[in-house]
Structure formats: structure tokens, C-alpha cells
Amino acid sequence: MNAKNLFGVVLLLLLSLSSREGIMDMVMARSCEAASATFRGPCLVDRDCQIICMNEGFSDGDCQGFLRRCFCKKPCT
């Protein structure tokens, strides 16, 4: 493998690890996630989702995915 190929592989590896799911999951404690049971409509503002999730007993929440659904999070026990 020449230097150009090696550089490309290392760069691709770093980019894949720098994604939110890559590094954040390795650094943070494991969290459990579930779609909100009460949030209705498209999730456009993370703070609105977070408030709904806290009312459902979760510690956090944010809008995710192409369909912009509200997902609630809490530390796994």
C-alpha cells in the first residue's frame, strides 16, 4: 500500500470516527433512546422535544432523522 492509499484510509477512518454517533458514543456513558410517546407532528425545535421528553421522565430529547421525530434519551440502567 503506497502513501497516498494509506493517507486516504486514515482520513476516511478519522471522518467516520468524528461523526456524532462515533466519538460521542465512545466518550459519553451509554444512553437509552426511545421515540416520544406524546410529541405530535414534525419535530422542528430540539428544545420543544427536550421539554416533552422531560415530562415523560427522560433526561433529554432531540429531533432526529429525515422525518424529524422527537427521540427521548436517558442513561441506561
PDB file of N, CA and C in Angstrom:
ATOM      1  N   MET A   1       0.859  -1.175   0.000  1.00  0.00           N
ATOM      2  CA  MET A   1       0.000   0.000   0.000  1.00  0.00           C
ATOM      3  C   MET A   1       0.901   1.232   0.000  1.00  0.00           C
ATOM      4  N   ASN A   2       0.669   2.131  -0.967  1.00  0.00           N
ATOM      5  CA  ASN A   2       1.520   3.316  -1.032  1.00  0.00           C
ATOM      6  C   ASN A   2       1.012   4.406  -0.086  1.00  0.00           C
ATOM      7  N   ALA A   3       1.763   5.489   0.001  1.00  0.00           N
ATOM      8  CA  ALA A   3       1.469   6.553   0.967  1.00  0.00           C
ATOM      9  C   ALA A   3       0.127   7.232   0.683  1.00  0.00           C
ATOM     10  N   LYS A   4      -0.226   7.402  -0.593  1.00  0.00           N
ATOM     11  CA  LYS A   4      -1.496   8.043  -0.938  1.00  0.00           C
ATOM     12  C   LYS A   4      -2.674   7.186  -0.472  1.00  0.00           C
ATOM     13  N   ASN A   5      -2.602   5.889  -0.689  1.00  0.00           N
ATOM     14  CA  ASN A   5      -3.683   4.999  -0.264  1.00  0.00           C
ATOM     15  C   ASN A   5      -3.802   4.968   1.259  1.00  0.00           C
ATOM     16  N   LEU A   6      -2.674   4.919   1.941  1.00  0.00           N
ATOM     17  CA  LEU A   6      -2.674   4.897   3.395  1.00  0.00           C
ATOM     18  C   LEU A   6      -3.272   6.188   3.955  1.00  0.00           C
ATOM     19  N   PHE A   7      -2.893   7.326   3.368  1.00  0.00           N
ATOM     20  CA  PHE A   7      -3.443   8.605   3.801  1.00  0.00           C
ATOM     21  C   PHE A   7      -4.965   8.633   3.609  1.00  0.00           C
ATOM     22  N   GLY A   8      -5.428   8.129   2.491  1.00  0.00           N
ATOM     23  CA  GLY A   8      -6.866   8.083   2.219  1.00  0.00           C
ATOM     24  C   GLY A   8      -7.611   7.220   3.216  1.00  0.00           C
ATOM     25  N   VAL A   9      -7.046   6.078   3.571  1.00  0.00           N
ATOM     26  CA  VAL A   9      -7.681   5.185   4.536  1.00  0.00           C
ATOM     27  C   VAL A   9      -7.730   5.843   5.912  1.00  0.00           C
ATOM     28  N   VAL A  10      -6.644   6.466   6.329  1.00  0.00           N
ATOM     29  CA  VAL A  10      -6.599   7.133   7.628  1.00  0.00           C
ATOM     30  C   VAL A  10      -7.589   8.296   7.660  1.00  0.00           C
ATOM     31  N   LEU A  11      -7.658   9.070   6.591  1.00  0.00           N
ATOM     32  CA  LEU A  11      -8.596  10.187   6.524  1.00  0.00           C
ATOM     33  C   LEU A  11     -10.041   9.696   6.602  1.00  0.00           C
ATOM     34  N   LEU A  12     -10.350   8.646   5.882  1.00  0.00           N
ATOM     35  CA  LEU A  12     -11.698   8.080   5.925  1.00  0.00           C
ATOM     36  C   LEU A  12     -12.035   7.571   7.320  1.00  0.00           C
ATOM     37  N   LEU A  13     -11.093   6.942   7.978  1.00  0.00           N
ATOM     38  CA  LEU A  13     -11.300   6.455   9.343  1.00  0.00           C
ATOM     39  C   LEU A  13     -11.557   7.613  10.302  1.00  0.00           C
ATOM     40  N   LEU A  14     -10.784   8.673  10.196  1.00  0.00           N
ATOM     41  CA  LEU A  14     -10.969   9.835  11.070  1.00  0.00           C
ATOM     42  C   LEU A  14     -12.321  10.500  10.830  1.00  0.00           C
ATOM     43  N   LEU A  15     -12.738  10.592   9.586  1.00  0.00           N
ATOM     44  CA  LEU A  15     -14.041  11.187   9.287  1.00  0.00           C
ATOM     45  C   LEU A  15     -15.180  10.349   9.850  1.00  0.00           C
ATOM     46  N   SER A  16     -15.050   9.049   9.749  1.00  0.00           N
ATOM     47  CA  SER A  16     -16.117   8.197  10.274  1.00  0.00           C
ATOM     48  C   SER A  16     -16.166   8.246  11.799  1.00  0.00           C
ATOM     49  N   LEU A  17     -15.026   8.393  12.448  1.00  0.00           N
ATOM     50  CA  LEU A  17     -14.996   8.479  13.906  1.00  0.00           C
ATOM     51  C   LEU A  17     -15.432   9.841  14.423  1.00  0.00           C
ATOM     52  N   SER A  18     -15.336  10.860  13.588  1.00  0.00           N
ATOM     53  CA  SER A  18     -15.687  12.197  14.045  1.00  0.00           C
ATOM     54  C   SER A  18     -17.182  12.474  13.960  1.00  0.00           C
ATOM     55  N   SER A  19     -17.940  11.546  13.421  1.00  0.00           N
ATOM     56  CA  SER A  19     -19.382  11.750  13.366  1.00  0.00           C
ATOM     57  C   SER A  19     -19.947  11.770  14.776  1.00  0.00           C
ATOM     58  N   ARG A  20     -21.098  12.338  14.947  1.00  0.00           N
ATOM     59  CA  ARG A  20     -21.730  12.459  16.271  1.00  0.00           C
ATOM     60  C   ARG A  20     -21.862  11.099  16.938  1.00  0.00           C
ATOM     61  N   GLU A  21     -22.332  10.116  16.212  1.00  0.00           N
ATOM     62  CA  GLU A  21     -22.528   8.791  16.794  1.00  0.00           C
ATOM     63  C   GLU A  21     -21.198   8.123  17.136  1.00  0.00           C
ATOM     64  N   GLY A  22     -20.166   8.393  16.356  1.00  0.00           N
ATOM     65  CA  GLY A  22     -18.876   7.745  16.581  1.00  0.00           C
ATOM     66  C   GLY A  22     -18.200   8.176  17.862  1.00  0.00           C
ATOM     67  N   ILE A  23     -17.764   9.407  17.919  1.00  0.00           N
ATOM     68  CA  ILE A  23     -16.995   9.877  19.069  1.00  0.00           C
ATOM     69  C   ILE A  23     -17.875  10.074  20.292  1.00  0.00           C
ATOM     70  N   MET A  24     -19.055  10.625  20.134  1.00  0.00           N
ATOM     71  CA  MET A  24     -19.905  10.899  21.292  1.00  0.00           C
ATOM     72  C   MET A  24     -20.279   9.618  22.020  1.00  0.00           C
ATOM     73  N   ASP A  25     -20.563   8.552  21.288  1.00  0.00           N
ATOM     74  CA  ASP A  25     -20.912   7.299  21.939  1.00  0.00           C
ATOM     75  C   ASP A  25     -19.725   6.705  22.682  1.00  0.00           C
ATOM     76  N   MET A  26     -18.514   6.929  22.165  1.00  0.00           N
ATOM     77  CA  MET A  26     -17.343   6.387  22.839  1.00  0.00           C
ATOM     78  C   MET A  26     -17.015   7.192  24.093  1.00  0.00           C
ATOM     79  N   VAL A  27     -17.246   8.507  24.067  1.00  0.00           N
ATOM     80  CA  VAL A  27     -16.872   9.375  25.172  1.00  0.00           C
ATOM     81  C   VAL A  27     -17.940   9.364  26.266  1.00  0.00           C
ATOM     82  N   MET A  28     -19.194   9.439  25.879  1.00  0.00           N
ATOM     83  CA  MET A  28     -20.278   9.534  26.848  1.00  0.00           C
ATOM     84  C   MET A  28     -20.673   8.148  27.354  1.00  0.00           C
ATOM     85  N   ALA A  29     -21.302   8.143  28.518  1.00  0.00           N
ATOM     86  CA  ALA A  29     -21.850   6.903  29.039  1.00  0.00           C
ATOM     87  C   ALA A  29     -22.971   6.462  28.105  1.00  0.00           C
ATOM     88  N   ARG A  30     -23.244   5.186  28.104  1.00  0.00           N
ATOM     89  CA  ARG A  30     -24.275   4.648  27.228  1.00  0.00           C
ATOM     90  C   ARG A  30     -25.632   5.239  27.596  1.00  0.00           C
ATOM     91  N   SER A  31     -26.394   5.659  26.584  1.00  0.00           N
ATOM     92  CA  SER A  31     -27.723   6.191  26.847  1.00  0.00           C
ATOM     93  C   SER A  31     -28.763   5.387  26.083  1.00  0.00           C
ATOM     94  N   CYS A  32     -29.938   5.299  26.676  1.00  0.00           N
ATOM     95  CA  CYS A  32     -31.051   4.602  26.044  1.00  0.00           C
ATOM     96  C   CYS A  32     -31.945   5.638  25.392  1.00  0.00           C
ATOM     97  N   GLU A  33     -32.518   5.277  24.265  1.00  0.00           N
ATOM     98  CA  GLU A  33     -33.279   6.199  23.452  1.00  0.00           C
ATOM     99  C   GLU A  33     -34.604   5.574  23.050  1.00  0.00           C
ATOM    100  N   ALA A  34     -35.657   6.389  23.013  1.00  0.00           N
ATOM    101  CA  ALA A  34     -36.973   5.911  22.576  1.00  0.00           C
ATOM    102  C   ALA A  34     -37.725   7.071  21.941  1.00  0.00           C
ATOM    103  N   ALA A  35     -38.556   6.766  20.962  1.00  0.00           N
ATOM    104  CA  ALA A  35     -39.392   7.795  20.353  1.00  0.00           C
ATOM    105  C   ALA A  35     -40.375   8.309  21.397  1.00  0.00           C
ATOM    106  N   SER A  36     -40.629   9.605  21.387  1.00  0.00           N
ATOM    107  CA  SER A  36     -41.570  10.200  22.330  1.00  0.00           C
ATOM    108  C   SER A  36     -42.965   9.628  22.121  1.00  0.00           C
ATOM    109  N   ALA A  37     -43.636   9.358  23.224  1.00  0.00           N
ATOM    110  CA  ALA A  37     -44.989   8.812  23.158  1.00  0.00           C
ATOM    111  C   ALA A  37     -46.033   9.908  22.988  1.00  0.00           C
ATOM    112  N   THR A  38     -45.691  11.150  23.351  1.00  0.00           N
ATOM    113  CA  THR A  38     -46.702  12.214  23.337  1.00  0.00           C
ATOM    114  C   THR A  38     -46.446  13.329  22.333  1.00  0.00           C
ATOM    115  N   PHE A  39     -45.232  13.435  21.790  1.00  0.00           N
ATOM    116  CA  PHE A  39     -44.921  14.502  20.835  1.00  0.00           C
ATOM    117  C   PHE A  39     -45.677  14.245  19.540  1.00  0.00           C
ATOM    118  N   ARG A  40     -46.348  15.254  19.021  1.00  0.00           N
ATOM    119  CA  ARG A  40     -47.133  15.126  17.790  1.00  0.00           C
ATOM    120  C   ARG A  40     -46.598  16.062  16.721  1.00  0.00           C
ATOM    121  N   GLY A  41     -46.640  15.610  15.491  1.00  0.00           N
ATOM    122  CA  GLY A  41     -46.209  16.419  14.357  1.00  0.00           C
ATOM    123  C   GLY A  41     -44.712  16.352  14.157  1.00  0.00           C
ATOM    124  N   PRO A  42     -44.213  17.079  13.140  1.00  0.00           N
ATOM    125  CA  PRO A  42     -42.764  17.080  12.897  1.00  0.00           C
ATOM    126  C   PRO A  42     -42.024  17.821  14.004  1.00  0.00           C
ATOM    127  N   CYS A  43     -40.879  17.330  14.358  1.00  0.00           N
ATOM    128  CA  CYS A  43     -40.055  17.912  15.419  1.00  0.00           C
ATOM    129  C   CYS A  43     -39.106  18.921  14.777  1.00  0.00           C
ATOM    130  N   LEU A  44     -39.356  20.189  14.995  1.00  0.00           N
ATOM    131  CA  LEU A  44     -38.556  21.232  14.363  1.00  0.00           C
ATOM    132  C   LEU A  44     -37.615  21.934  15.323  1.00  0.00           C
ATOM    133  N   VAL A  45     -37.941  21.929  16.619  1.00  0.00           N
ATOM    134  CA  VAL A  45     -37.126  22.633  17.624  1.00  0.00           C
ATOM    135  C   VAL A  45     -36.721  21.631  18.707  1.00  0.00           C
ATOM    136  N   ASP A  46     -35.416  21.422  18.846  1.00  0.00           N
ATOM    137  CA  ASP A  46     -34.911  20.458  19.836  1.00  0.00           C
ATOM    138  C   ASP A  46     -35.404  20.768  21.246  1.00  0.00           C
ATOM    139  N   ARG A  47     -35.474  22.035  21.598  1.00  0.00           N
ATOM    140  CA  ARG A  47     -35.878  22.417  22.962  1.00  0.00           C
ATOM    141  C   ARG A  47     -37.315  21.970  23.257  1.00  0.00           C
ATOM    142  N   ASP A  48     -38.216  22.072  22.279  1.00  0.00           N
ATOM    143  CA  ASP A  48     -39.593  21.603  22.469  1.00  0.00           C
ATOM    144  C   ASP A  48     -39.614  20.104  22.742  1.00  0.00           C
ATOM    145  N   CYS A  49     -38.825  19.375  21.983  1.00  0.00           N
ATOM    146  CA  CYS A  49     -38.726  17.926  22.167  1.00  0.00           C
ATOM    147  C   CYS A  49     -38.155  17.610  23.546  1.00  0.00           C
ATOM    148  N   GLN A  50     -37.130  18.346  23.959  1.00  0.00           N
ATOM    149  CA  GLN A  50     -36.499  18.117  25.254  1.00  0.00           C
ATOM    150  C   GLN A  50     -37.499  18.315  26.398  1.00  0.00           C
ATOM    151  N   ILE A  51     -38.316  19.343  26.316  1.00  0.00           N
ATOM    152  CA  ILE A  51     -39.315  19.607  27.359  1.00  0.00           C
ATOM    153  C   ILE A  51     -40.336  18.480  27.435  1.00  0.00           C
ATOM    154  N   ILE A  52     -40.818  18.034  26.280  1.00  0.00           N
ATOM    155  CA  ILE A  52     -41.783  16.923  26.242  1.00  0.00           C
ATOM    156  C   ILE A  52     -41.152  15.675  26.851  1.00  0.00           C
ATOM    157  N   CYS A  53     -39.908  15.397  26.487  1.00  0.00           N
ATOM    158  CA  CYS A  53     -39.227  14.197  26.992  1.00  0.00           C
ATOM    159  C   CYS A  53     -39.041  14.264  28.507  1.00  0.00           C
ATOM    160  N   MET A  54     -38.706  15.418  29.026  1.00  0.00           N
ATOM    161  CA  MET A  54     -38.554  15.564  30.473  1.00  0.00           C
ATOM    162  C   MET A  54     -39.884  15.307  31.179  1.00  0.00           C
ATOM    163  N   ASN A  55     -40.977  15.733  30.564  1.00  0.00           N
ATOM    164  CA  ASN A  55     -42.305  15.454  31.130  1.00  0.00           C
ATOM    165  C   ASN A  55     -42.642  13.965  31.080  1.00  0.00           C
ATOM    166  N   GLU A  56     -42.008  13.233  30.180  1.00  0.00           N
ATOM    167  CA  GLU A  56     -42.199  11.784  30.071  1.00  0.00           C
ATOM    168  C   GLU A  56     -41.234  11.011  30.963  1.00  0.00           C
ATOM    169  N   GLY A  57     -40.380  11.714  31.710  1.00  0.00           N
ATOM    170  CA  GLY A  57     -39.460  11.060  32.634  1.00  0.00           C
ATOM    171  C   GLY A  57     -38.072  10.801  32.078  1.00  0.00           C
ATOM    172  N   PHE A  58     -37.745  11.370  30.930  1.00  0.00           N
ATOM    173  CA  PHE A  58     -36.413  11.227  30.345  1.00  0.00           C
ATOM    174  C   PHE A  58     -35.564  12.427  30.738  1.00  0.00           C
ATOM    175  N   SER A  59     -34.262  12.318  30.540  1.00  0.00           N
ATOM    176  CA  SER A  59     -33.374  13.417  30.916  1.00  0.00           C
ATOM    177  C   SER A  59     -33.069  14.358  29.758  1.00  0.00           C
ATOM    178  N   ASP A  60     -33.354  13.950  28.530  1.00  0.00           N
ATOM    179  CA  ASP A  60     -33.029  14.766  27.368  1.00  0.00           C
ATOM    180  C   ASP A  60     -33.858  14.301  26.181  1.00  0.00           C
ATOM    181  N   GLY A  61     -33.830  15.081  25.116  1.00  0.00           N
ATOM    182  CA  GLY A  61     -34.513  14.710  23.891  1.00  0.00           C
ATOM    183  C   GLY A  61     -34.091  15.618  22.761  1.00  0.00           C
ATOM    184  N   ASP A  62     -34.152  15.111  21.523  1.00  0.00           N
ATOM    185  CA  ASP A  62     -33.858  15.946  20.363  1.00  0.00           C
ATOM    186  C   ASP A  62     -34.530  15.401  19.114  1.00  0.00           C
ATOM    187  N   CYS A  63     -34.620  16.280  18.119  1.00  0.00           N
ATOM    188  CA  CYS A  63     -35.235  15.929  16.844  1.00  0.00           C
ATOM    189  C   CYS A  63     -34.223  15.158  16.006  1.00  0.00           C
ATOM    190  N   GLN A  64     -34.678  14.066  15.395  1.00  0.00           N
ATOM    191  CA  GLN A  64     -33.763  13.234  14.623  1.00  0.00           C
ATOM    192  C   GLN A  64     -34.420  12.725  13.353  1.00  0.00           C
ATOM    193  N   GLY A  65     -33.570  12.399  12.401  1.00  0.00           N
ATOM    194  CA  GLY A  65     -33.992  11.701  11.198  1.00  0.00           C
ATOM    195  C   GLY A  65     -34.626  12.568  10.133  1.00  0.00           C
ATOM    196  N   PHE A  66     -34.829  11.950   8.990  1.00  0.00           N
ATOM    197  CA  PHE A  66     -35.417  12.623   7.839  1.00  0.00           C
ATOM    198  C   PHE A  66     -36.844  13.086   8.133  1.00  0.00           C
ATOM    199  N   LEU A  67     -37.595  12.283   8.881  1.00  0.00           N
ATOM    200  CA  LEU A  67     -38.980  12.612   9.206  1.00  0.00           C
ATOM    201  C   LEU A  67     -39.102  13.539  10.414  1.00  0.00           C
ATOM    202  N   ARG A  68     -37.951  13.912  11.010  1.00  0.00           N
ATOM    203  CA  ARG A  68     -37.898  14.837  12.147  1.00  0.00           C
ATOM    204  C   ARG A  68     -38.815  14.405  13.283  1.00  0.00           C
ATOM    205  N   ARG A  69     -38.489  13.263  13.860  1.00  0.00           N
ATOM    206  CA  ARG A  69     -39.230  12.742  15.000  1.00  0.00           C
ATOM    207  C   ARG A  69     -38.501  13.092  16.289  1.00  0.00           C
ATOM    208  N   CYS A  70     -39.257  13.211  17.373  1.00  0.00           N
ATOM    209  CA  CYS A  70     -38.706  13.522  18.690  1.00  0.00           C
ATOM    210  C   CYS A  70     -38.278  12.229  19.369  1.00  0.00           C
ATOM    211  N   PHE A  71     -37.002  12.128  19.727  1.00  0.00           N
ATOM    212  CA  PHE A  71     -36.481  10.970  20.435  1.00  0.00           C
ATOM    213  C   PHE A  71     -36.011  11.396  21.812  1.00  0.00           C
ATOM    214  N   CYS A  72     -36.433  10.642  22.822  1.00  0.00           N
ATOM    215  CA  CYS A  72     -36.084  10.924  24.204  1.00  0.00           C
ATOM    216  C   CYS A  72     -34.920  10.033  24.635  1.00  0.00           C
ATOM    217  N   LYS A  73     -34.091  10.579  25.541  1.00  0.00           N
ATOM    218  CA  LYS A  73     -32.886   9.870  25.980  1.00  0.00           C
ATOM    219  C   LYS A  73     -32.782   9.887  27.504  1.00  0.00           C
ATOM    220  N   LYS A  74     -32.157   8.847  28.022  1.00  0.00           N
ATOM    221  CA  LYS A  74     -31.820   8.786  29.448  1.00  0.00           C
ATOM    222  C   LYS A  74     -30.687   7.783  29.611  1.00  0.00           C
ATOM    223  N   PRO A  75     -29.909   7.893  30.686  1.00  0.00           N
ATOM    224  CA  PRO A  75     -28.844   6.917  30.912  1.00  0.00           C
ATOM    225  C   PRO A  75     -29.436   5.516  31.081  1.00  0.00           C
ATOM    226  N   CYS A  76     -28.805   4.545  30.461  1.00  0.00           N
ATOM    227  CA  CYS A  76     -29.267   3.155  30.603  1.00  0.00           C
ATOM    228  C   CYS A  76     -28.950   2.667  32.010  1.00  0.00           C
ATOM    229  N   THR A  77     -29.850   1.879  32.550  1.00  0.00           N
ATOM    230  CA  THR A  77     -29.624   1.325  33.898  1.00  0.00           C
ATOM    231  C   THR A  77     -29.456  -0.160  33.825  1.00  0.00           C
TER     232      THR A  77
END
